[in-house]
Amino acid sequence: MFLPTRQARASPTYAQDSAFFTTSDGVKIHYLTMGNSGSWVVLIHGYTDSAQRMWFTTGIAPAQDVVELMDHLKIAKAHIHGYSMGGGLTGQLLAMIPQRFITAGLGGSGIAETDPALRAQAAAMDDALPKPQCANAEAMNRFRARVTSLNPTGRVAPPVAAPAAADLRTLAIPIIAINGSFDAPYAKTHRLWREARVFENIVLPDKTHLTAIAVGGPMPPQYVDAMSRFIDAFDEP
């Protein structure tokens, strides 16, 4: 489920290793690793997906589980980057373990405004953007239908103890958000550019939640280039 690697970019010259880890509450996690030098980069995939499809096949190599896996692999600090639901987990980890971050990456995600007026302001910015058409719109409709079919009753899992929201104004951690222009990018990033000390916002033109990362196929070069450049710029020796 979680992918730690020591490569900002996946490379065919590095072997990919597969292993399993069981958390303290009995959850068995499958993870992949690649590379043997440089800072750790922890990549967290999205809902219903896998590390193999989202991070390796594309050409790049509950939140407490991430912490336990980092401890298991003896990762003191890392660049932590998640896509979609993985980005949501990354946001939770910012509140839980900010001391374990070098940088934070939120792909297909962000941290939403809590104030209703600011949420409305961000939504209005998204409403003004062009909307997906034809194949892009049809693919998103199929994706939404698939997600709905996985939870037909609409029931929400029993609540767990959620971490307090990260106070972005107190964090010196560099944060990047990468979203498609068809994926409500401002609703996800409005708060980040207001509050984060170091923030870079990447909006990929004409990309949806699905095509921004092209799961199962080659990753758009804009995504991997932005991600690797950001990691290199703020890496620690």
C-alpha atoms as a PDB file:
ATOM      1  CA  MET A   1       0.000   0.000   0.000  1.00  0.00           C
ATOM      2  CA  PHE A   2       2.872   2.384   0.731  1.00  0.00           C
ATOM      3  CA  LEU A   3       5.969   2.934  -1.356  1.00  0.00           C
ATOM      4  CA  PRO A   4       9.226   4.127   0.153  1.00  0.00           C
ATOM      5  CA  THR A   5      12.027   4.710  -2.303  1.00  0.00           C
ATOM      6  CA  ARG A   6      15.367   6.484  -2.330  1.00  0.00           C
ATOM      7  CA  GLN A   7      14.895   7.813  -5.847  1.00  0.00           C
ATOM      8  CA  ALA A   8      13.113  11.028  -6.776  1.00  0.00           C
ATOM      9  CA  ARG A   9      12.637   9.445 -10.195  1.00  0.00           C
ATOM     10  CA  ALA A  10      12.242   5.779 -10.918  1.00  0.00           C
ATOM     11  CA  SER A  11      15.133   4.404 -12.938  1.00  0.00           C
ATOM     12  CA  PRO A  12      15.476   1.116 -14.848  1.00  0.00           C
ATOM     13  CA  THR A  13      18.994   0.782 -13.442  1.00  0.00           C
ATOM     14  CA  TYR A  14      17.645   0.237  -9.910  1.00  0.00           C
ATOM     15  CA  ALA A  15      16.061  -3.023  -8.845  1.00  0.00           C
ATOM     16  CA  GLN A  16      12.559  -2.949  -7.424  1.00  0.00           C
ATOM     17  CA  ASP A  17      12.051  -4.871  -4.182  1.00  0.00           C
ATOM     18  CA  SER A  18       8.761  -6.095  -2.747  1.00  0.00           C
ATOM     19  CA  ALA A  19       8.085  -6.891   0.908  1.00  0.00           C
ATOM     20  CA  PHE A  20       5.354  -7.081   3.548  1.00  0.00           C
ATOM     21  CA  PHE A  21       5.012  -5.466   6.954  1.00  0.00           C
ATOM     22  CA  THR A  22       2.384  -6.047   9.666  1.00  0.00           C
ATOM     23  CA  THR A  23       1.333  -3.033  11.720  1.00  0.00           C
ATOM     24  CA  SER A  24       0.654  -3.044  15.453  1.00  0.00           C
ATOM     25  CA  ASP A  25      -3.083  -3.483  14.846  1.00  0.00           C
ATOM     26  CA  GLY A  26      -2.568  -6.469  12.557  1.00  0.00           C
ATOM     27  CA  VAL A  27      -2.874  -4.815   9.149  1.00  0.00           C
ATOM     28  CA  LYS A  28      -0.631  -6.471   6.554  1.00  0.00           C
ATOM     29  CA  ILE A  29       0.920  -3.903   4.238  1.00  0.00           C
ATOM     30  CA  HIS A  30       2.595  -4.621   0.920  1.00  0.00           C
ATOM     31  CA  TYR A  31       5.261  -2.084   0.035  1.00  0.00           C
ATOM     32  CA  LEU A  32       7.824  -1.586  -2.719  1.00  0.00           C
ATOM     33  CA  THR A  33      11.288  -0.053  -2.542  1.00  0.00           C
ATOM     34  CA  MET A  34      13.739   1.106  -5.185  1.00  0.00           C
ATOM     35  CA  GLY A  35      17.173   2.686  -5.041  1.00  0.00           C
ATOM     36  CA  ASN A  36      19.938   2.740  -2.455  1.00  0.00           C
ATOM     37  CA  SER A  37      21.221   6.311  -2.197  1.00  0.00           C
ATOM     38  CA  GLY A  38      20.026   9.794  -1.354  1.00  0.00           C
ATOM     39  CA  SER A  39      17.112  10.916   0.816  1.00  0.00           C
ATOM     40  CA  TRP A  40      14.041   8.746   1.288  1.00  0.00           C
ATOM     41  CA  VAL A  41      10.924   9.553  -0.730  1.00  0.00           C
ATOM     42  CA  VAL A  42       7.725   7.981   0.615  1.00  0.00           C
ATOM     43  CA  LEU A  43       4.978   7.723  -2.008  1.00  0.00           C
ATOM     44  CA  ILE A  44       1.407   6.996  -0.897  1.00  0.00           C
ATOM     45  CA  HIS A  45      -1.091   5.851  -3.518  1.00  0.00           C
ATOM     46  CA  GLY A  46      -4.748   6.776  -3.852  1.00  0.00           C
ATOM     47  CA  TYR A  47      -8.012   5.051  -3.009  1.00  0.00           C
ATOM     48  CA  THR A  48      -8.595   1.669  -4.730  1.00  0.00           C
ATOM     49  CA  ASP A  49      -5.156   1.815  -6.320  1.00  0.00           C
ATOM     50  CA  SER A  50      -1.766   0.285  -5.579  1.00  0.00           C
ATOM     51  CA  ALA A  51       1.798   1.498  -5.341  1.00  0.00           C
ATOM     52  CA  GLN A  52       2.721  -0.638  -8.351  1.00  0.00           C
ATOM     53  CA  ARG A  53       0.169   0.978 -10.676  1.00  0.00           C
ATOM     54  CA  MET A  54       0.344   4.540  -9.392  1.00  0.00           C
ATOM     55  CA  TRP A  55       4.078   4.990  -8.867  1.00  0.00           C
ATOM     56  CA  PHE A  56       6.005   2.265 -10.735  1.00  0.00           C
ATOM     57  CA  THR A  57       3.924   1.563 -13.867  1.00  0.00           C
ATOM     58  CA  THR A  58       3.659   5.292 -14.518  1.00  0.00           C
ATOM     59  CA  GLY A  59       7.417   5.669 -14.574  1.00  0.00           C
ATOM     60  CA  ILE A  60       8.095   7.095 -11.055  1.00  0.00           C
ATOM     61  CA  ALA A  61       8.903   5.406  -8.453  1.00  0.00           C
ATOM     62  CA  PRO A  62      -4.747   4.869   7.730  1.00  0.00           C
ATOM     63  CA  ALA A  63      -2.087   7.408   8.412  1.00  0.00           C
ATOM     64  CA  GLN A  64      -0.516   5.809  11.514  1.00  0.00           C
ATOM     65  CA  ASP A  65       0.394   2.841   9.267  1.00  0.00           C
ATOM     66  CA  VAL A  66       2.746   5.126   7.330  1.00  0.00           C
ATOM     67  CA  VAL A  67       4.485   6.101  10.565  1.00  0.00           C
ATOM     68  CA  GLU A  68       4.912   2.473  11.592  1.00  0.00           C
ATOM     69  CA  LEU A  69       6.291   1.553   8.179  1.00  0.00           C
ATOM     70  CA  MET A  70       8.771   4.430   8.328  1.00  0.00           C
ATOM     71  CA  ASP A  71       9.845   3.213  11.764  1.00  0.00           C
ATOM     72  CA  HIS A  72      10.132  -0.346  10.444  1.00  0.00           C
ATOM     73  CA  LEU A  73      12.424   0.813   7.634  1.00  0.00           C
ATOM     74  CA  LYS A  74      14.305   3.152   9.992  1.00  0.00           C
ATOM     75  CA  ILE A  75      13.363   6.240   7.976  1.00  0.00           C
ATOM     76  CA  ALA A  76      13.951   9.240  10.235  1.00  0.00           C
ATOM     77  CA  LYS A  77      12.860  11.881   7.700  1.00  0.00           C
ATOM     78  CA  ALA A  78      11.555  11.739   4.149  1.00  0.00           C
ATOM     79  CA  HIS A  79       9.992  13.593   1.273  1.00  0.00           C
ATOM     80  CA  ILE A  80       6.387  12.371   1.679  1.00  0.00           C
ATOM     81  CA  HIS A  81       4.175  12.612  -1.412  1.00  0.00           C
ATOM     82  CA  GLY A  82       0.662  11.219  -1.763  1.00  0.00           C
ATOM     83  CA  TYR A  83      -1.900  11.242  -4.562  1.00  0.00           C
ATOM     84  CA  SER A  84      -5.651  11.649  -4.043  1.00  0.00           C
ATOM     85  CA  MET A  85      -6.504   9.828  -0.797  1.00  0.00           C
ATOM     86  CA  GLY A  86      -2.745   9.458  -0.322  1.00  0.00           C
ATOM     87  CA  GLY A  87      -2.512  13.243  -0.387  1.00  0.00           C
ATOM     88  CA  GLY A  88      -5.158  13.400   2.311  1.00  0.00           C
ATOM     89  CA  LEU A  89      -3.051  11.058   4.424  1.00  0.00           C
ATOM     90  CA  THR A  90      -0.023  13.251   3.784  1.00  0.00           C
ATOM     91  CA  GLY A  91      -1.997  16.211   5.126  1.00  0.00           C
ATOM     92  CA  GLN A  92      -2.826  14.230   8.269  1.00  0.00           C
ATOM     93  CA  LEU A  93       0.816  13.309   8.715  1.00  0.00           C
ATOM     94  CA  LEU A  94       1.743  17.003   8.588  1.00  0.00           C
ATOM     95  CA  ALA A  95      -0.257  17.414  11.785  1.00  0.00           C
ATOM     96  CA  MET A  96       0.949  14.167  13.366  1.00  0.00           C
ATOM     97  CA  ILE A  97       4.673  13.992  12.587  1.00  0.00           C
ATOM     98  CA  PRO A  98       5.915  17.257  11.021  1.00  0.00           C
ATOM     99  CA  GLN A  99       9.416  16.467  12.317  1.00  0.00           C
ATOM    100  CA  ARG A 100       9.581  13.459   9.955  1.00  0.00           C
ATOM    101  CA  PHE A 101       9.102  15.557   6.783  1.00  0.00           C
ATOM    102  CA  ILE A 102      11.716  17.016   4.467  1.00  0.00           C
ATOM    103  CA  THR A 103       9.031  18.155   2.012  1.00  0.00           C
ATOM    104  CA  ALA A 104       5.326  17.412   1.590  1.00  0.00           C
ATOM    105  CA  GLY A 105       3.673  16.650  -1.749  1.00  0.00           C
ATOM    106  CA  LEU A 106      -0.089  16.705  -2.297  1.00  0.00           C
ATOM    107  CA  GLY A 107      -1.068  15.312  -5.694  1.00  0.00           C
ATOM    108  CA  GLY A 108      -4.701  15.415  -6.815  1.00  0.00           C
ATOM    109  CA  SER A 109      -5.410  16.854  -3.382  1.00  0.00           C
ATOM    110  CA  GLY A 110      -4.639  19.646  -0.940  1.00  0.00           C
ATOM    111  CA  ILE A 111      -5.875  21.104   2.325  1.00  0.00           C
ATOM    112  CA  ALA A 112      -9.290  22.741   2.104  1.00  0.00           C
ATOM    113  CA  GLU A 113     -10.402  25.983   3.681  1.00  0.00           C
ATOM    114  CA  THR A 114     -12.410  25.635   6.888  1.00  0.00           C
ATOM    115  CA  ASP A 115     -14.007  29.090   6.788  1.00  0.00           C
ATOM    116  CA  PRO A 116     -17.243  29.002   4.689  1.00  0.00           C
ATOM    117  CA  ALA A 117     -16.552  32.353   3.020  1.00  0.00           C
ATOM    118  CA  LEU A 118     -13.053  31.317   1.990  1.00  0.00           C
ATOM    119  CA  ARG A 119     -14.351  27.944   0.761  1.00  0.00           C
ATOM    120  CA  ALA A 120     -16.901  29.762  -1.396  1.00  0.00           C
ATOM    121  CA  GLN A 121     -14.206  32.082  -2.747  1.00  0.00           C
ATOM    122  CA  ALA A 122     -12.032  29.118  -3.762  1.00  0.00           C
ATOM    123  CA  ALA A 123     -15.006  27.295  -5.320  1.00  0.00           C
ATOM    124  CA  ALA A 124     -15.833  30.356  -7.397  1.00  0.00           C
ATOM    125  CA  MET A 125     -12.309  30.341  -8.811  1.00  0.00           C
ATOM    126  CA  ASP A 126     -12.777  26.703  -9.836  1.00  0.00           C
ATOM    127  CA  ASP A 127     -16.216  27.419 -11.325  1.00  0.00           C
ATOM    128  CA  ALA A 128     -14.614  29.932 -13.671  1.00  0.00           C
ATOM    129  CA  LEU A 129     -12.272  27.295 -15.130  1.00  0.00           C
ATOM    130  CA  PRO A 130     -13.144  25.278 -18.279  1.00  0.00           C
ATOM    131  CA  LYS A 131     -14.752  21.904 -17.605  1.00  0.00           C
ATOM    132  CA  PRO A 132     -13.726  18.494 -19.020  1.00  0.00           C
ATOM    133  CA  GLN A 133     -15.459  17.433 -22.207  1.00  0.00           C
ATOM    134  CA  CYS A 134     -16.043  14.241 -24.219  1.00  0.00           C
ATOM    135  CA  ALA A 135     -13.634  11.427 -23.281  1.00  0.00           C
ATOM    136  CA  ASN A 136     -12.323  13.228 -20.195  1.00  0.00           C
ATOM    137  CA  ALA A 137     -15.819  13.809 -18.848  1.00  0.00           C
ATOM    138  CA  GLU A 138     -16.911  10.243 -19.623  1.00  0.00           C
ATOM    139  CA  ALA A 139     -13.859   8.783 -17.859  1.00  0.00           C
ATOM    140  CA  MET A 140     -14.539  10.855 -14.740  1.00  0.00           C
ATOM    141  CA  ASN A 141     -18.179   9.733 -14.721  1.00  0.00           C
ATOM    142  CA  ARG A 142     -17.061   6.100 -14.908  1.00  0.00           C
ATOM    143  CA  PHE A 143     -14.595   6.694 -12.084  1.00  0.00           C
ATOM    144  CA  ARG A 144     -17.266   8.246  -9.853  1.00  0.00           C
ATOM    145  CA  ALA A 145     -19.611   5.348 -10.610  1.00  0.00           C
ATOM    146  CA  ARG A 146     -16.895   2.866  -9.705  1.00  0.00           C
ATOM    147  CA  VAL A 147     -16.196   4.579  -6.395  1.00  0.00           C
ATOM    148  CA  THR A 148     -19.913   4.622  -5.623  1.00  0.00           C
ATOM    149  CA  SER A 149     -20.236   0.923  -6.471  1.00  0.00           C
ATOM    150  CA  LEU A 150     -17.538   0.088  -3.940  1.00  0.00           C
ATOM    151  CA  ASN A 151     -19.663   1.644  -1.212  1.00  0.00           C
ATOM    152  CA  PRO A 152     -23.273   1.265  -2.453  1.00  0.00           C
ATOM    153  CA  THR A 153     -24.875   1.969   0.929  1.00  0.00           C
ATOM    154  CA  GLY A 154     -23.046   5.238   1.338  1.00  0.00           C
ATOM    155  CA  ARG A 155     -22.158   4.276   4.892  1.00  0.00           C
ATOM    156  CA  VAL A 156     -19.097   5.856   6.435  1.00  0.00           C
ATOM    157  CA  ALA A 157     -16.616   3.748   8.397  1.00  0.00           C
ATOM    158  CA  PRO A 158     -16.708   4.184  12.176  1.00  0.00           C
ATOM    159  CA  PRO A 159     -14.712   7.258  13.179  1.00  0.00           C
ATOM    160  CA  VAL A 160     -11.207   6.887  14.524  1.00  0.00           C
ATOM    161  CA  ALA A 161      -9.228   9.360  16.567  1.00  0.00           C
ATOM    162  CA  ALA A 162      -8.307  11.949  13.961  1.00  0.00           C
ATOM    163  CA  PRO A 163      -5.230  14.145  14.390  1.00  0.00           C
ATOM    164  CA  ALA A 164      -5.688  17.858  14.845  1.00  0.00           C
ATOM    165  CA  ALA A 165      -5.477  19.846  11.622  1.00  0.00           C
ATOM    166  CA  ALA A 166      -1.980  21.010  10.773  1.00  0.00           C
ATOM    167  CA  ASP A 167      -1.270  24.641  11.661  1.00  0.00           C
ATOM    168  CA  LEU A 168       0.320  25.546   8.353  1.00  0.00           C
ATOM    169  CA  ARG A 169       1.505  28.941   9.569  1.00  0.00           C
ATOM    170  CA  THR A 170       3.864  27.319  12.081  1.00  0.00           C
ATOM    171  CA  LEU A 171       5.390  24.791   9.653  1.00  0.00           C
ATOM    172  CA  ALA A 172       8.592  25.512   7.772  1.00  0.00           C
ATOM    173  CA  ILE A 173       8.148  22.373   5.649  1.00  0.00           C
ATOM    174  CA  PRO A 174       8.140  23.127   1.893  1.00  0.00           C
ATOM    175  CA  ILE A 175       4.840  21.979   0.371  1.00  0.00           C
ATOM    176  CA  ILE A 176       3.932  21.361  -3.255  1.00  0.00           C
ATOM    177  CA  ALA A 177       0.472  20.672  -4.683  1.00  0.00           C
ATOM    178  CA  ILE A 178      -0.010  19.217  -8.165  1.00  0.00           C
ATOM    179  CA  ASN A 179      -3.537  19.144  -9.568  1.00  0.00           C
ATOM    180  CA  GLY A 180      -5.191  19.048 -12.961  1.00  0.00           C
ATOM    181  CA  SER A 181      -7.046  22.155 -14.135  1.00  0.00           C
ATOM    182  CA  PHE A 182     -10.203  19.997 -14.392  1.00  0.00           C
ATOM    183  CA  ASP A 183      -9.804  18.809 -10.767  1.00  0.00           C
ATOM    184  CA  ALA A 184     -10.927  21.797  -8.653  1.00  0.00           C
ATOM    185  CA  PRO A 185      -7.328  22.939  -8.071  1.00  0.00           C
ATOM    186  CA  TYR A 186      -8.194  26.139  -6.198  1.00  0.00           C
ATOM    187  CA  ALA A 187     -10.546  24.564  -3.663  1.00  0.00           C
ATOM    188  CA  LYS A 188      -7.666  22.264  -2.738  1.00  0.00           C
ATOM    189  CA  THR A 189      -4.917  24.877  -2.573  1.00  0.00           C
ATOM    190  CA  HIS A 190      -6.489  28.216  -1.583  1.00  0.00           C
ATOM    191  CA  ARG A 191      -5.640  27.677   2.092  1.00  0.00           C
ATOM    192  CA  LEU A 192      -2.148  26.442   1.282  1.00  0.00           C
ATOM    193  CA  TRP A 193      -1.125  29.551  -0.615  1.00  0.00           C
ATOM    194  CA  ARG A 194      -2.619  31.729   2.124  1.00  0.00           C
ATOM    195  CA  GLU A 195      -1.013  29.997   5.104  1.00  0.00           C
ATOM    196  CA  ALA A 196       1.963  27.846   4.121  1.00  0.00           C
ATOM    197  CA  ARG A 197       5.378  29.472   4.543  1.00  0.00           C
ATOM    198  CA  VAL A 198       6.883  27.717   1.497  1.00  0.00           C
ATOM    199  CA  PHE A 199       4.351  26.600  -1.103  1.00  0.00           C
ATOM    200  CA  GLU A 200       4.448  25.841  -4.815  1.00  0.00           C
ATOM    201  CA  ASN A 201       1.200  25.304  -6.710  1.00  0.00           C
ATOM    202  CA  ILE A 202       1.306  23.363  -9.986  1.00  0.00           C
ATOM    203  CA  VAL A 203      -1.856  23.267 -12.124  1.00  0.00           C
ATOM    204  CA  LEU A 204      -1.594  20.911 -15.092  1.00  0.00           C
ATOM    205  CA  PRO A 205      -3.574  22.259 -18.071  1.00  0.00           C
ATOM    206  CA  ASP A 206      -6.471  20.106 -19.343  1.00  0.00           C
ATOM    207  CA  LYS A 207      -5.820  17.290 -16.841  1.00  0.00           C
ATOM    208  CA  THR A 208      -8.450  15.545 -14.713  1.00  0.00           C
ATOM    209  CA  HIS A 209      -8.060  13.657 -11.449  1.00  0.00           C
ATOM    210  CA  LEU A 210      -7.309  10.589 -13.574  1.00  0.00           C
ATOM    211  CA  THR A 211      -5.072  12.014 -16.285  1.00  0.00           C
ATOM    212  CA  ALA A 212      -2.895  14.236 -14.068  1.00  0.00           C
ATOM    213  CA  ILE A 213      -1.036  11.106 -13.046  1.00  0.00           C
ATOM    214  CA  ALA A 214      -2.177   8.746 -15.852  1.00  0.00           C
ATOM    215  CA  VAL A 215      -2.540   5.687 -13.636  1.00  0.00           C
ATOM    216  CA  GLY A 216      -1.508   2.558 -15.508  1.00  0.00           C
ATOM    217  CA  GLY A 217       0.344   4.442 -18.224  1.00  0.00           C
ATOM    218  CA  PRO A 218       3.245   6.855 -18.709  1.00  0.00           C
ATOM    219  CA  MET A 219       3.083   9.723 -16.234  1.00  0.00           C
ATOM    220  CA  PRO A 220       2.705  13.205 -17.768  1.00  0.00           C
ATOM    221  CA  PRO A 221       6.203  14.719 -17.811  1.00  0.00           C
ATOM    222  CA  GLN A 222       4.901  17.925 -16.175  1.00  0.00           C
ATOM    223  CA  TYR A 223       3.980  15.984 -13.035  1.00  0.00           C
ATOM    224  CA  VAL A 224       7.200  14.036 -12.598  1.00  0.00           C
ATOM    225  CA  ASP A 225       9.349  17.028 -13.552  1.00  0.00           C
ATOM    226  CA  ALA A 226       7.644  19.303 -11.010  1.00  0.00           C
ATOM    227  CA  MET A 227       7.820  16.666  -8.302  1.00  0.00           C
ATOM    228  CA  SER A 228      11.472  15.742  -8.784  1.00  0.00           C
ATOM    229  CA  ARG A 229      12.582  19.370  -9.199  1.00  0.00           C
ATOM    230  CA  PHE A 230      10.856  20.334  -5.943  1.00  0.00           C
ATOM    231  CA  ILE A 231      12.396  17.429  -4.054  1.00  0.00           C
ATOM    232  CA  ASP A 232      15.868  18.238  -5.401  1.00  0.00           C
ATOM    233  CA  ALA A 233      15.495  21.932  -4.526  1.00  0.00           C
ATOM    234  CA  PHE A 234      14.699  21.261  -0.866  1.00  0.00           C
ATOM    235  CA  ASP A 235      16.592  18.044  -0.239  1.00  0.00           C
ATOM    236  CA  GLU A 236      18.736  17.780   2.854  1.00  0.00           C
ATOM    237  CA  PRO A 237      22.397  16.662   2.632  1.00  0.00           C
END
